[in-house]
Amino acid sequence: MSYTQKQIAGVDEHQPLGDQQLDVLRFVNENGPITVGEMAKAYGTPRGLARTTILTVMERLRTKGYLSRRKVEGVFQYSPRIDQDDLLKGLVGEFVQRSLGGSLAPFVTYLADSGKLSVREVSELRRMVESLEAQEAKQA
């Protein structure tokens, strides 16, 4: 099951994620649970971001409901509230609703015209279409 912000209890659907917030959330998802100090060293330093900036971004993500934190041996460890696949499905769904008026046709056209799909991705898309067709056939 994929989740949209509205379906995730505690996620503020009125505050979309910025690019940096999404990048931090992905990093936490791949490396969490993680402390602000660990995050600052592994993520912030290579990008020229101060520890205070990392703390601010992580706290905003927590306030929006994307991260949780718990104190372990006196230090807060941050973890994602949903896995990355579900997060990305929700973000794509919101993009389609907001930017494309709910229609997938412009998105699919972009994918077809961009020429950036790998053979594996095309195969996966075919499998998804076949699965959708099978579901529709069962419902008919």
C-alpha atoms as a PDB file:
ATOM      1  CA  MET A   1       0.000   0.000   0.000  1.00  0.00           C
ATOM      2  CA  SER A   2       1.367   3.408  -0.867  1.00  0.00           C
ATOM      3  CA  TYR A   3       0.816   6.394   1.345  1.00  0.00           C
ATOM      4  CA  THR A   4       0.082   9.999   0.668  1.00  0.00           C
ATOM      5  CA  GLN A   5       0.697  12.676   3.271  1.00  0.00           C
ATOM      6  CA  LYS A   6      -3.013  12.654   4.114  1.00  0.00           C
ATOM      7  CA  GLN A   7      -2.879   8.941   4.924  1.00  0.00           C
ATOM      8  CA  ILE A   8       0.079   9.199   7.290  1.00  0.00           C
ATOM      9  CA  ALA A   9      -1.083  10.195  10.747  1.00  0.00           C
ATOM     10  CA  GLY A  10       0.683  13.304  11.924  1.00  0.00           C
ATOM     11  CA  VAL A  11       2.115  14.374   8.552  1.00  0.00           C
ATOM     12  CA  ASP A  12       1.325  17.981   7.684  1.00  0.00           C
ATOM     13  CA  GLU A  13      -0.172  17.782   4.197  1.00  0.00           C
ATOM     14  CA  HIS A  14      -0.077  21.562   3.764  1.00  0.00           C
ATOM     15  CA  GLN A  15       3.694  21.836   3.977  1.00  0.00           C
ATOM     16  CA  PRO A  16       5.397  20.254   0.980  1.00  0.00           C
ATOM     17  CA  LEU A  17       8.987  19.092   1.238  1.00  0.00           C
ATOM     18  CA  GLY A  18      11.756  21.255  -0.158  1.00  0.00           C
ATOM     19  CA  ASP A  19      14.635  19.724  -2.110  1.00  0.00           C
ATOM     20  CA  GLN A  20      16.991  19.798   0.869  1.00  0.00           C
ATOM     21  CA  GLN A  21      14.377  18.328   3.186  1.00  0.00           C
ATOM     22  CA  LEU A  22      13.709  15.495   0.747  1.00  0.00           C
ATOM     23  CA  ASP A  23      17.431  14.829   0.390  1.00  0.00           C
ATOM     24  CA  VAL A  24      17.887  14.760   4.182  1.00  0.00           C
ATOM     25  CA  LEU A  25      14.879  12.475   4.552  1.00  0.00           C
ATOM     26  CA  ARG A  26      16.326  10.057   1.994  1.00  0.00           C
ATOM     27  CA  PHE A  27      19.661  10.067   3.833  1.00  0.00           C
ATOM     28  CA  VAL A  28      17.988   9.385   7.187  1.00  0.00           C
ATOM     29  CA  ASN A  29      15.962   6.620   5.572  1.00  0.00           C
ATOM     30  CA  GLU A  30      19.119   4.965   4.258  1.00  0.00           C
ATOM     31  CA  ASN A  31      21.205   5.509   7.426  1.00  0.00           C
ATOM     32  CA  GLY A  32      18.789   5.774  10.339  1.00  0.00           C
ATOM     33  CA  PRO A  33      18.399   5.747  13.151  1.00  0.00           C
ATOM     34  CA  ILE A  34      20.921   8.570  13.179  1.00  0.00           C
ATOM     35  CA  THR A  35      21.831  11.414  15.517  1.00  0.00           C
ATOM     36  CA  VAL A  36      22.199  15.045  14.446  1.00  0.00           C
ATOM     37  CA  GLY A  37      25.949  14.792  15.076  1.00  0.00           C
ATOM     38  CA  GLU A  38      26.289  11.705  12.889  1.00  0.00           C
ATOM     39  CA  MET A  39      24.120  13.326  10.247  1.00  0.00           C
ATOM     40  CA  ALA A  40      26.166  16.533  10.327  1.00  0.00           C
ATOM     41  CA  LYS A  41      29.400  14.594   9.860  1.00  0.00           C
ATOM     42  CA  ALA A  42      28.218  12.149   7.181  1.00  0.00           C
ATOM     43  CA  TYR A  43      25.783  14.369   5.294  1.00  0.00           C
ATOM     44  CA  GLY A  44      26.370  17.990   6.252  1.00  0.00           C
ATOM     45  CA  THR A  45      30.153  18.319   6.147  1.00  0.00           C
ATOM     46  CA  PRO A  46      30.551  17.033   2.560  1.00  0.00           C
ATOM     47  CA  ARG A  47      27.867  19.517   1.469  1.00  0.00           C
ATOM     48  CA  GLY A  48      29.209  22.459   3.448  1.00  0.00           C
ATOM     49  CA  LEU A  49      26.233  22.486   5.846  1.00  0.00           C
ATOM     50  CA  ALA A  50      26.621  23.406   9.499  1.00  0.00           C
ATOM     51  CA  ARG A  51      25.389  21.151  12.303  1.00  0.00           C
ATOM     52  CA  THR A  52      22.789  23.795  13.193  1.00  0.00           C
ATOM     53  CA  THR A  53      21.426  23.674   9.643  1.00  0.00           C
ATOM     54  CA  ILE A  54      21.124  19.894   9.830  1.00  0.00           C
ATOM     55  CA  LEU A  55      19.375  20.174  13.200  1.00  0.00           C
ATOM     56  CA  THR A  56      16.924  22.727  11.804  1.00  0.00           C
ATOM     57  CA  VAL A  57      16.081  20.601   8.761  1.00  0.00           C
ATOM     58  CA  MET A  58      15.655  17.443  10.843  1.00  0.00           C
ATOM     59  CA  GLU A  59      13.449  19.202  13.377  1.00  0.00           C
ATOM     60  CA  ARG A  60      11.285  20.640  10.592  1.00  0.00           C
ATOM     61  CA  LEU A  61      10.909  17.150   9.162  1.00  0.00           C
ATOM     62  CA  ARG A  62       9.954  15.896  12.617  1.00  0.00           C
ATOM     63  CA  THR A  63       7.437  18.727  13.052  1.00  0.00           C
ATOM     64  CA  LYS A  64       5.914  17.858   9.663  1.00  0.00           C
ATOM     65  CA  GLY A  65       5.651  14.251  10.802  1.00  0.00           C
ATOM     66  CA  TYR A  66       8.232  12.662   8.499  1.00  0.00           C
ATOM     67  CA  LEU A  67      10.759  11.817  11.229  1.00  0.00           C
ATOM     68  CA  SER A  68      10.455  10.553  14.764  1.00  0.00           C
ATOM     69  CA  ARG A  69      13.064  10.806  17.464  1.00  0.00           C
ATOM     70  CA  ARG A  70      13.831   8.998  20.666  1.00  0.00           C
ATOM     71  CA  LYS A  71      16.450   9.577  23.306  1.00  0.00           C
ATOM     72  CA  VAL A  72      19.098   6.886  23.550  1.00  0.00           C
ATOM     73  CA  GLU A  73      21.809   7.348  26.177  1.00  0.00           C
ATOM     74  CA  GLY A  74      21.058  11.060  26.361  1.00  0.00           C
ATOM     75  CA  VAL A  75      21.155  11.710  22.603  1.00  0.00           C
ATOM     76  CA  PHE A  76      18.218  11.931  20.193  1.00  0.00           C
ATOM     77  CA  GLN A  77      18.198   9.424  17.374  1.00  0.00           C
ATOM     78  CA  TYR A  78      16.046  10.261  14.362  1.00  0.00           C
ATOM     79  CA  SER A  79      14.239   7.670  12.254  1.00  0.00           C
ATOM     80  CA  PRO A  80      11.886   7.947   9.287  1.00  0.00           C
ATOM     81  CA  ARG A  81       8.201   7.367  10.016  1.00  0.00           C
ATOM     82  CA  ILE A  82       7.630   5.712   6.616  1.00  0.00           C
ATOM     83  CA  ASP A  83       9.916   3.806   4.273  1.00  0.00           C
ATOM     84  CA  GLN A  84      11.437   5.465   1.242  1.00  0.00           C
ATOM     85  CA  ASP A  85       9.355   3.586  -1.352  1.00  0.00           C
ATOM     86  CA  ASP A  86       6.110   4.685   0.290  1.00  0.00           C
ATOM     87  CA  LEU A  87       7.392   8.242   0.661  1.00  0.00           C
ATOM     88  CA  LEU A  88       8.321   8.466  -3.015  1.00  0.00           C
ATOM     89  CA  LYS A  89       5.006   6.938  -4.117  1.00  0.00           C
ATOM     90  CA  GLY A  90       3.184   9.549  -2.060  1.00  0.00           C
ATOM     91  CA  LEU A  91       5.289  12.407  -3.414  1.00  0.00           C
ATOM     92  CA  VAL A  92       4.780  11.263  -7.011  1.00  0.00           C
ATOM     93  CA  GLY A  93       1.047  10.962  -6.370  1.00  0.00           C
ATOM     94  CA  GLU A  94       0.932  14.496  -4.996  1.00  0.00           C
ATOM     95  CA  PHE A  95       2.939  15.771  -7.975  1.00  0.00           C
ATOM     96  CA  VAL A  96       0.523  14.121 -10.400  1.00  0.00           C
ATOM     97  CA  GLN A  97      -2.492  15.586  -8.570  1.00  0.00           C
ATOM     98  CA  ARG A  98      -1.079  19.089  -8.092  1.00  0.00           C
ATOM     99  CA  SER A  99       0.962  19.595 -11.239  1.00  0.00           C
ATOM    100  CA  LEU A 100      -0.731  17.358 -13.787  1.00  0.00           C
ATOM    101  CA  GLY A 101      -4.338  17.630 -12.647  1.00  0.00           C
ATOM    102  CA  GLY A 102      -4.440  13.942 -11.770  1.00  0.00           C
ATOM    103  CA  SER A 103      -3.604  12.768 -15.294  1.00  0.00           C
ATOM    104  CA  LEU A 104      -0.699  10.371 -15.769  1.00  0.00           C
ATOM    105  CA  ALA A 105      -0.613  10.879 -19.548  1.00  0.00           C
ATOM    106  CA  PRO A 106       1.826  13.856 -19.475  1.00  0.00           C
ATOM    107  CA  PHE A 107       4.085  11.939 -17.079  1.00  0.00           C
ATOM    108  CA  VAL A 108       4.123   8.825 -19.262  1.00  0.00           C
ATOM    109  CA  THR A 109       4.713  10.960 -22.348  1.00  0.00           C
ATOM    110  CA  TYR A 110       7.682  12.573 -20.624  1.00  0.00           C
ATOM    111  CA  LEU A 111       9.121   9.162 -19.733  1.00  0.00           C
ATOM    112  CA  ALA A 112       8.687   7.905 -23.295  1.00  0.00           C
ATOM    113  CA  ASP A 113      10.125  11.025 -24.910  1.00  0.00           C
ATOM    114  CA  SER A 114      13.046  11.511 -22.528  1.00  0.00           C
ATOM    115  CA  GLY A 115      14.839   8.365 -23.622  1.00  0.00           C
ATOM    116  CA  LYS A 116      16.239   8.063 -20.103  1.00  0.00           C
ATOM    117  CA  LEU A 117      14.584   4.775 -19.156  1.00  0.00           C
ATOM    118  CA  SER A 118      16.842   1.754 -18.810  1.00  0.00           C
ATOM    119  CA  VAL A 119      15.898  -1.626 -20.264  1.00  0.00           C
ATOM    120  CA  ARG A 120      15.188  -2.789 -16.700  1.00  0.00           C
ATOM    121  CA  GLU A 121      12.869   0.173 -16.055  1.00  0.00           C
ATOM    122  CA  VAL A 122      10.963  -0.420 -19.304  1.00  0.00           C
ATOM    123  CA  SER A 123      10.586  -4.082 -18.350  1.00  0.00           C
ATOM    124  CA  GLU A 124       9.319  -3.103 -14.907  1.00  0.00           C
ATOM    125  CA  LEU A 125       6.798  -0.668 -16.433  1.00  0.00           C
ATOM    126  CA  ARG A 126       5.546  -3.429 -18.755  1.00  0.00           C
ATOM    127  CA  ARG A 127       5.101  -5.730 -15.757  1.00  0.00           C
ATOM    128  CA  MET A 128       3.116  -3.016 -13.948  1.00  0.00           C
ATOM    129  CA  VAL A 129       0.862  -2.431 -16.963  1.00  0.00           C
ATOM    130  CA  GLU A 130       0.254  -6.166 -17.294  1.00  0.00           C
ATOM    131  CA  SER A 131      -0.637  -6.324 -13.605  1.00  0.00           C
ATOM    132  CA  LEU A 132      -3.082  -3.408 -13.993  1.00  0.00           C
ATOM    133  CA  GLU A 133      -4.662  -5.065 -17.027  1.00  0.00           C
ATOM    134  CA  ALA A 134      -5.074  -8.309 -15.066  1.00  0.00           C
ATOM    135  CA  GLN A 135      -6.731  -6.429 -12.204  1.00  0.00           C
ATOM    136  CA  GLU A 136      -9.119  -4.686 -14.619  1.00  0.00           C
ATOM    137  CA  ALA A 137      -9.984  -8.030 -16.262  1.00  0.00           C
ATOM    138  CA  LYS A 138     -10.866  -9.515 -12.859  1.00  0.00           C
ATOM    139  CA  GLN A 139     -13.131  -6.562 -12.053  1.00  0.00           C
ATOM    140  CA  ALA A 140     -14.965  -6.760 -15.379  1.00  0.00           C
END
